[in-house]
Amino acid sequence: MGSCFSTPDPEHNPSPTLPARPQLCPPTEHKPLQTLSDLYAYWCGDSYELINNLWGRDAATSGSQATYLDSTSPSGIAWRTTWTWTGAPNNVKSYPYAGRQFPRGKLICGIESMPTEVKWGYEGNTNNMRANVAFDLFTARDPEHANHGGDFELMIWLARYGGVCPIGKCVAQVRIQGRRWELWDGYNGEMRVWSFLPSEGEIQEFEGDVREFFEYLERERGFPAGEQNLIVFQIGTECFTGGPATFACTQFSADVI
């Protein structure tokens, strides 16, 4: 993720107690349905999930983050996260995300489509911000693989700020769904990571079939779609340093068909 890091298992990645951090408050336009402020605070419902996911906060010298659920229905959710971090500018501090829930055991080759819509924006002190906005998908041969990693990772970046870059290097310029993308290829440990970056600026409204990115990887990069199960399907923002800033996702809907 972001730099293609993933959510660790809280049971195997205990976080030591940190000094008290200033409390971030949500914008006052409306009261959220849920407030998630703890390290891995979690909500699920209507086939979606939301997690605060401050997995890299120990690298920060100061900062805090909270995530808010604004609305939910079977047709999608709206949410936001407000954050500020300082220190270790090249380290991801958090990846708050919304995820689509689906039954395990779905081979990529057996998925016909992954229709997806997202609308988002950033506000606040964004001039000094290092962050991205990205879809994150893991696949693995084992359908019961833990959801904080896999054999392969597909990231679809919609924006980046402050010069952050994916893992690996740019290996191709491609056209998918009428847009031009840079394809980056690298490894996070033993997990191969492919990241697509928009070549023509950030994409604040995305509507399309994410399955087409897997089709490209299968056709052009040898991705073994017949052996890999979908593990997670998420959208979020990787936060490095900067803020205070608020990422607001006014619509996220997705399906795995």
Protein backbone atom coordinates (compact mmCIF):
# COMPACT_ATOMS: atom_id res chain seq x y z
CA MET A 1 0.00 0.00 0.00
CA GLY A 2 1.05 3.52 -0.52
CA SER A 3 4.32 2.34 -0.57
CA CYS A 4 2.36 -0.80 -0.72
CA PHE A 5 2.33 -1.65 2.96
CA SER A 6 -0.54 -3.60 4.49
CA THR A 7 -2.49 -3.92 7.69
CA PRO A 8 -0.59 -6.00 10.25
CA ASP A 9 -2.30 -8.45 12.57
CA PRO A 10 -2.84 -6.61 15.88
CA GLU A 11 -2.26 -9.85 17.78
CA HIS A 12 1.19 -10.24 16.25
CA ASN A 13 2.07 -6.57 16.03
CA PRO A 14 1.35 -5.16 19.48
CA SER A 15 1.66 -1.41 19.71
CA PRO A 16 3.35 0.07 22.78
CA THR A 17 1.63 2.84 24.67
CA LEU A 18 2.38 6.20 23.09
CA PRO A 19 2.35 9.66 24.67
CA ALA A 20 -1.01 11.38 24.79
CA ARG A 21 -2.00 12.79 21.42
CA PRO A 22 -4.27 15.74 20.66
CA GLN A 23 -7.87 14.71 19.95
CA LEU A 24 -9.00 15.33 16.39
CA CYS A 25 -12.60 16.39 15.96
CA PRO A 26 -14.74 15.73 12.92
CA PRO A 27 -16.20 18.58 10.91
CA THR A 28 -19.34 19.89 12.56
CA GLU A 29 -21.75 19.64 9.59
CA HIS A 30 -23.34 16.47 10.97
CA LYS A 31 -22.87 13.87 13.63
CA PRO A 32 -21.22 10.64 12.41
CA LEU A 33 -22.94 7.30 12.85
CA GLN A 34 -19.70 5.83 14.22
CA THR A 35 -16.43 7.31 15.45
CA LEU A 36 -13.32 5.13 15.22
CA SER A 37 -10.34 6.55 17.09
CA ASP A 38 -8.46 3.56 18.52
CA LEU A 39 -5.52 1.88 16.80
CA TYR A 40 -7.56 -0.70 14.87
CA ALA A 41 -11.08 0.53 15.64
CA TYR A 42 -13.48 -1.32 13.34
CA TRP A 43 -17.04 -1.24 12.08
CA CYS A 44 -18.92 -3.50 9.66
CA GLY A 45 -22.42 -3.61 8.22
CA ASP A 46 -24.38 -3.75 4.94
CA SER A 47 -21.55 -5.85 3.39
CA TYR A 48 -18.96 -3.11 4.02
CA GLU A 49 -16.31 -2.56 6.67
CA LEU A 50 -14.41 0.47 7.96
CA ILE A 51 -11.19 0.54 9.99
CA ASN A 52 -9.07 3.34 11.45
CA ASN A 53 -5.88 1.27 10.92
CA LEU A 54 -3.05 3.33 12.43
CA TRP A 55 -0.63 0.49 11.78
CA GLY A 56 2.51 2.64 11.34
CA ARG A 57 1.88 5.31 13.97
CA ASP A 58 4.86 4.28 16.11
CA ALA A 59 7.15 5.87 13.49
CA ALA A 60 5.56 9.29 14.14
CA THR A 61 6.99 11.80 16.58
CA SER A 62 3.50 13.21 17.10
CA GLY A 63 0.06 13.03 15.58
CA SER A 64 -3.36 11.43 15.72
CA GLN A 65 -6.17 10.21 13.53
CA ALA A 66 -9.86 9.37 13.75
CA THR A 67 -12.23 7.91 11.18
CA TYR A 68 -15.97 8.54 10.91
CA LEU A 69 -18.83 6.64 9.31
CA ASP A 70 -21.28 9.14 7.82
CA SER A 71 -23.85 6.91 6.11
CA THR A 72 -24.35 3.28 5.18
CA SER A 73 -26.68 1.13 3.11
CA PRO A 74 -26.39 -2.01 0.97
CA SER A 75 -25.67 0.30 -1.98
CA GLY A 76 -22.55 1.81 -0.39
CA ILE A 77 -21.09 3.88 2.43
CA ALA A 78 -19.80 7.39 3.04
CA TRP A 79 -16.96 8.04 5.47
CA ARG A 80 -14.08 10.37 6.31
CA THR A 81 -10.87 10.45 8.26
CA THR A 82 -9.10 13.41 9.87
CA TRP A 83 -5.40 13.19 10.61
CA THR A 84 -2.12 14.93 11.34
CA TRP A 85 1.31 13.27 11.57
CA THR A 86 4.90 14.46 11.95
CA GLY A 87 8.22 12.64 11.78
CA ALA A 88 9.66 9.91 9.54
CA PRO A 89 8.32 11.44 6.30
CA ASN A 90 8.97 8.30 4.25
CA ASN A 91 7.04 6.00 6.58
CA VAL A 92 3.32 5.30 6.24
CA LYS A 93 1.59 6.04 9.55
CA SER A 94 -1.86 4.77 8.67
CA TYR A 95 -4.14 3.37 6.00
CA PRO A 96 -7.73 3.99 7.07
CA TYR A 97 -9.97 2.21 4.60
CA ALA A 98 -13.42 1.05 3.65
CA GLY A 99 -13.66 -2.49 2.32
CA ARG A 100 -16.24 -4.53 0.43
CA GLN A 101 -17.04 -7.80 2.18
CA PHE A 102 -17.54 -10.95 0.09
CA PRO A 103 -17.41 -14.74 0.56
CA ARG A 104 -13.94 -16.26 0.56
CA GLY A 105 -12.94 -18.72 -2.15
CA LYS A 106 -13.36 -16.48 -5.20
CA LEU A 107 -10.68 -17.23 -7.78
CA ILE A 108 -9.88 -14.19 -9.90
CA CYS A 109 -10.52 -16.21 -13.07
CA GLY A 110 -14.04 -16.92 -11.82
CA ILE A 111 -14.93 -13.29 -11.13
CA GLU A 112 -16.84 -11.78 -14.05
CA SER A 113 -16.79 -8.17 -12.91
CA MET A 114 -15.98 -5.86 -10.01
CA PRO A 115 -18.14 -2.78 -10.59
CA THR A 116 -16.92 0.06 -8.42
CA GLU A 117 -17.75 3.70 -7.78
CA VAL A 118 -15.94 6.12 -5.51
CA LYS A 119 -16.18 9.89 -4.99
CA TRP A 120 -13.78 11.63 -2.65
CA GLY A 121 -11.97 14.85 -1.79
CA TYR A 122 -9.27 16.19 0.51
CA GLU A 123 -9.57 19.39 2.54
CA GLY A 124 -7.57 21.16 5.22
CA ASN A 125 -3.83 21.75 5.26
CA THR A 126 -2.97 19.77 2.13
CA ASN A 127 0.00 21.88 0.97
CA ASN A 128 2.49 20.10 3.24
CA MET A 129 0.82 16.70 3.00
CA ARG A 130 2.46 13.43 2.01
CA ALA A 131 -0.25 10.91 1.25
CA ASN A 132 -2.06 8.98 -1.44
CA VAL A 133 -5.57 7.77 -2.24
CA ALA A 134 -5.71 4.22 -3.53
CA PHE A 135 -7.64 1.02 -4.00
CA ASP A 136 -5.84 -1.94 -2.42
CA LEU A 137 -6.50 -5.57 -3.31
CA PHE A 138 -4.68 -8.70 -2.11
CA THR A 139 -4.81 -12.13 -3.72
CA ALA A 140 -3.45 -15.46 -2.50
CA ARG A 141 -3.41 -19.12 -3.47
CA ASP A 142 -4.84 -19.94 -0.03
CA PRO A 143 -8.45 -18.66 0.08
CA GLU A 144 -8.19 -18.35 3.89
CA HIS A 145 -5.02 -16.24 3.81
CA ALA A 146 -4.85 -13.53 6.47
CA ASN A 147 -6.22 -10.25 5.18
CA HIS A 148 -3.07 -8.21 5.86
CA GLY A 149 -1.10 -9.62 2.94
CA GLY A 150 -1.07 -12.11 0.10
CA ASP A 151 0.93 -13.49 -2.79
CA PHE A 152 0.10 -10.47 -4.96
CA GLU A 153 -1.06 -6.93 -4.33
CA LEU A 154 -2.87 -4.71 -6.82
CA MET A 155 -3.01 -1.00 -6.06
CA ILE A 156 -4.89 1.55 -8.13
CA TRP A 157 -3.77 5.00 -7.09
CA LEU A 158 -6.24 7.83 -7.64
CA ALA A 159 -3.99 10.60 -6.28
CA ARG A 160 -0.67 11.24 -4.60
CA TYR A 161 0.63 14.21 -2.66
CA GLY A 162 4.08 15.37 -1.61
CA GLY A 163 6.00 13.18 -4.04
CA VAL A 164 5.15 9.78 -2.54
CA CYS A 165 5.78 6.84 -4.87
CA PRO A 166 4.85 3.16 -4.98
CA ILE A 167 7.19 0.27 -4.35
CA GLY A 168 9.38 -0.72 -7.29
CA LYS A 169 9.78 1.17 -10.55
CA CYS A 170 7.68 2.28 -13.49
CA VAL A 171 7.79 -0.43 -16.16
CA ALA A 172 5.06 0.56 -18.62
CA GLN A 173 2.49 3.10 -19.76
CA VAL A 174 -0.89 1.46 -20.28
CA ARG A 175 -4.45 2.41 -21.18
CA ILE A 176 -7.28 0.87 -19.18
CA GLN A 177 -10.90 2.04 -19.19
CA GLY A 178 -10.08 5.03 -21.35
CA ARG A 179 -7.41 6.36 -19.00
CA ARG A 180 -3.62 6.32 -19.22
CA TRP A 181 -1.76 4.80 -16.27
CA GLU A 182 1.83 4.23 -15.19
CA LEU A 183 2.40 0.63 -14.12
CA TRP A 184 4.86 0.18 -11.26
CA ASP A 185 6.25 -3.25 -10.41
CA GLY A 186 8.04 -4.24 -7.20
CA TYR A 187 8.10 -6.46 -4.13
CA ASN A 188 7.06 -5.98 -0.52
CA GLY A 189 8.98 -8.86 1.00
CA GLU A 190 7.90 -11.91 -0.99
CA MET A 191 4.65 -10.33 -2.16
CA ARG A 192 4.69 -8.95 -5.69
CA VAL A 193 3.09 -5.52 -5.93
CA TRP A 194 1.64 -3.91 -9.04
CA SER A 195 0.58 -0.27 -8.75
CA PHE A 196 -1.29 1.76 -11.37
CA LEU A 197 -0.83 5.55 -11.17
CA PRO A 198 -2.95 7.96 -13.23
CA SER A 199 -0.85 9.74 -15.85
CA GLU A 200 -3.13 12.75 -16.20
CA GLY A 201 -3.71 13.96 -12.65
CA GLU A 202 -5.81 12.81 -9.74
CA ILE A 203 -9.13 11.04 -10.18
CA GLN A 204 -11.69 12.23 -7.63
CA GLU A 205 -14.56 10.34 -9.24
CA PHE A 206 -13.94 6.78 -10.40
CA GLU A 207 -16.58 4.51 -11.84
CA GLY A 208 -15.55 1.34 -13.61
CA ASP A 209 -14.77 -2.36 -13.49
CA VAL A 210 -11.70 -3.09 -11.38
CA ARG A 211 -11.65 -6.59 -12.89
CA GLU A 212 -10.12 -5.04 -16.05
CA PHE A 213 -6.89 -4.27 -14.16
CA PHE A 214 -6.54 -7.95 -13.30
CA GLU A 215 -7.27 -8.83 -16.94
CA TYR A 216 -4.37 -6.64 -18.03
CA LEU A 217 -2.03 -8.20 -15.49
CA GLU A 218 -3.06 -11.70 -16.55
CA ARG A 219 -2.61 -10.93 -20.24
CA GLU A 220 0.58 -8.84 -20.11
CA ARG A 221 2.35 -9.67 -16.84
CA GLY A 222 1.65 -13.35 -16.25
CA PHE A 223 -0.63 -12.95 -13.25
CA PRO A 224 -1.94 -16.47 -12.42
CA ALA A 225 -5.66 -15.68 -12.24
CA GLY A 226 -6.55 -19.38 -12.14
CA GLU A 227 -4.61 -19.91 -8.91
CA GLN A 228 -5.25 -16.70 -6.98
CA ASN A 229 -8.19 -15.96 -4.68
CA LEU A 230 -9.37 -12.45 -3.88
CA ILE A 231 -8.62 -11.69 -0.22
CA VAL A 232 -9.48 -7.99 0.25
CA PHE A 233 -11.00 -5.16 -1.82
CA GLN A 234 -10.43 -1.76 -0.16
CA ILE A 235 -10.29 1.99 -0.79
CA GLY A 236 -8.42 4.34 1.52
CA THR A 237 -5.69 6.89 2.01
CA GLU A 238 -2.12 6.20 3.10
CA CYS A 239 -0.98 8.99 5.40
CA PHE A 240 2.73 9.77 5.78
CA THR A 241 3.10 13.31 7.21
CA GLY A 242 1.30 16.64 7.21
CA GLY A 243 -2.12 17.89 8.09
CA PRO A 244 -4.37 18.46 9.80
CA ALA A 245 -6.29 17.23 6.78
CA THR A 246 -9.57 15.44 6.14
CA PHE A 247 -10.14 12.80 3.49
CA ALA A 248 -13.86 12.57 2.75
CA CYS A 249 -15.26 9.68 0.73
CA THR A 250 -18.82 10.70 -0.07
CA GLN A 251 -19.57 7.47 -1.96
CA PHE A 252 -17.99 4.03 -2.10
CA SER A 253 -19.84 1.15 -3.64
CA ALA A 254 -18.42 -2.07 -5.02
CA ASP A 255 -19.36 -5.61 -5.84
CA VAL A 256 -17.65 -8.89 -6.71
CA ILE A 257 -19.68 -10.78 -9.29
